[in-house]
């Protein structure tokens, strides 16, 4: 799979992250609102991240609205929710050279930006 960043164009955190990345970052950008993540992409990321839950956002408004906070969800249910509604995907999510970065925790975003910068530097020396 190509190095990819799944983001939401209306998300301020995603916008801030994109502004921090080098202009020639080499990532394929996919706005999940206009081009939802495919089942194959999600399954690929799950294999690296270890679970669908690692890619699932419990901050989504629908999470509470649907009463999901009162249930114990299976991996199959989480997969189905992410595929049915883009708001259930943690964002941003990036796949870079065998690593997955999911969510907007400061440490995750810092690691993602550092990884992209390292990748850009490596490619500039080729």
Protein backbone atom coordinates (compact mmCIF):
# COMPACT_ATOMS: atom_id res chain seq x y z
CA UNK A 1 0.00 0.00 0.00
CA UNK A 2 1.13 3.52 -0.76
CA UNK A 3 1.93 5.91 2.10
CA UNK A 4 -1.47 7.47 2.81
CA UNK A 5 -3.08 9.99 5.13
CA UNK A 6 -6.80 9.63 5.79
CA UNK A 7 -8.20 12.88 7.12
CA UNK A 8 -11.36 14.96 7.32
CA UNK A 9 -11.15 18.27 5.46
CA UNK A 10 -13.46 19.98 7.97
CA UNK A 11 -11.43 18.86 11.01
CA UNK A 12 -9.27 21.61 12.53
CA UNK A 13 -6.76 19.09 13.91
CA UNK A 14 -6.36 17.55 10.45
CA UNK A 15 -5.91 21.01 8.88
CA UNK A 16 -3.27 21.89 11.49
CA UNK A 17 -1.45 18.61 10.84
CA UNK A 18 -1.43 19.15 7.08
CA UNK A 19 0.03 22.62 7.63
CA UNK A 20 2.88 21.10 9.69
CA UNK A 21 3.88 18.58 7.04
CA UNK A 22 6.55 19.40 4.46
CA UNK A 23 4.93 20.53 1.20
CA UNK A 24 6.49 17.62 -0.69
CA UNK A 25 5.46 15.00 1.87
CA UNK A 26 4.76 12.27 -0.69
CA UNK A 27 1.61 11.03 1.04
CA UNK A 28 -1.52 10.14 -0.83
CA UNK A 29 -4.28 12.23 0.80
CA UNK A 30 -7.76 10.79 1.19
CA UNK A 31 -10.59 12.92 2.60
CA UNK A 32 -12.77 10.30 4.30
CA UNK A 33 -15.91 12.42 3.95
CA UNK A 34 -15.68 12.47 0.16
CA UNK A 35 -13.83 9.20 -0.39
CA UNK A 36 -14.60 6.81 2.48
CA UNK A 37 -12.02 4.26 3.53
CA UNK A 38 -12.52 0.97 1.72
CA UNK A 39 -12.93 -2.36 3.48
CA UNK A 40 -9.59 -3.50 2.04
CA UNK A 41 -7.82 -0.38 3.36
CA UNK A 42 -9.41 -0.80 6.80
CA UNK A 43 -8.50 -4.49 6.99
CA UNK A 44 -4.92 -3.70 5.94
CA UNK A 45 -4.59 -1.04 8.67
CA UNK A 46 -6.15 -3.36 11.25
CA UNK A 47 -3.54 -6.02 10.52
CA UNK A 48 -0.79 -3.51 11.34
CA UNK A 49 -2.54 -1.70 14.21
CA UNK A 50 -3.60 -4.98 15.83
CA UNK A 51 -7.33 -4.33 16.10
CA UNK A 52 -10.20 -2.37 14.65
CA UNK A 53 -10.64 -0.81 18.09
CA UNK A 54 -7.24 0.90 17.68
CA UNK A 55 -8.73 2.72 14.67
CA UNK A 56 -12.15 3.42 16.24
CA UNK A 57 -13.16 6.82 17.57
CA UNK A 58 -15.23 6.84 20.72
CA UNK A 59 -15.40 10.64 20.45
CA UNK A 60 -17.87 10.53 17.58
CA UNK A 61 -21.21 12.14 18.43
CA UNK A 62 -22.95 9.08 17.07
CA UNK A 63 -21.11 6.89 19.57
CA UNK A 64 -23.24 8.29 22.40
CA UNK A 65 -26.32 8.97 20.28
CA UNK A 66 -26.48 5.30 19.31
CA UNK A 67 -25.89 4.21 22.92
CA UNK A 68 -22.69 2.43 21.96
CA UNK A 69 -20.96 3.65 25.12
CA UNK A 70 -23.25 1.30 27.05
CA UNK A 71 -22.28 -1.76 25.02
CA UNK A 72 -19.23 -3.93 24.59
CA UNK A 73 -18.59 -3.96 20.87
CA UNK A 74 -17.01 -6.86 19.03
CA UNK A 75 -14.28 -6.34 16.47
CA UNK A 76 -16.79 -7.23 13.72
CA UNK A 77 -19.22 -4.59 15.00
CA UNK A 78 -16.47 -1.97 15.19
CA UNK A 79 -15.38 -2.80 11.63
CA UNK A 80 -18.94 -2.46 10.39
CA UNK A 81 -19.41 0.88 12.18
CA UNK A 82 -16.22 2.36 10.73
CA UNK A 83 -17.20 1.27 7.22
CA UNK A 84 -20.75 2.59 7.58
CA UNK A 85 -19.92 6.03 9.02
CA UNK A 86 -16.68 7.96 8.53
CA UNK A 87 -17.03 9.67 11.92
CA UNK A 88 -16.21 6.38 13.65
CA UNK A 89 -12.69 6.37 12.20
CA UNK A 90 -10.06 7.97 14.41
CA UNK A 91 -8.53 10.84 12.58
CA UNK A 92 -6.18 11.48 11.21
CA UNK A 93 -4.95 8.01 10.30
CA UNK A 94 -1.73 7.54 8.39
CA UNK A 95 0.06 4.57 6.95
CA UNK A 96 3.77 5.22 6.39
CA UNK A 97 6.26 2.52 5.47
CA UNK A 98 4.68 -0.24 7.58
CA UNK A 99 3.58 1.96 10.50
CA UNK A 100 0.09 3.17 11.40
CA UNK A 101 -0.54 6.42 13.24
CA UNK A 102 -4.14 6.78 14.42
CA UNK A 103 -5.79 9.61 16.28
CA UNK A 104 -5.00 13.11 17.38
CA UNK A 105 -3.17 12.59 20.66
CA UNK A 106 -0.25 15.04 20.78
CA UNK A 107 2.36 12.25 20.95
CA UNK A 108 0.78 10.48 17.97
CA UNK A 109 0.76 13.66 15.88
CA UNK A 110 4.35 14.50 16.86
CA UNK A 111 5.49 11.01 15.89
CA UNK A 112 3.61 11.23 12.59
CA UNK A 113 5.14 14.60 11.65
CA UNK A 114 8.62 13.37 12.63
CA UNK A 115 8.17 10.20 10.55
CA UNK A 116 7.05 12.18 7.49
CA UNK A 117 9.98 14.59 7.83
CA UNK A 118 12.40 11.66 8.07
CA UNK A 119 10.84 10.10 4.99
CA UNK A 120 11.13 13.37 3.06
CA UNK A 121 14.79 13.74 4.09
CA UNK A 122 15.57 10.16 3.04
CA UNK A 123 13.91 10.70 -0.35
CA UNK A 124 15.74 13.98 -0.93
CA UNK A 125 19.08 12.18 -0.73
CA UNK A 126 18.16 9.63 -3.39
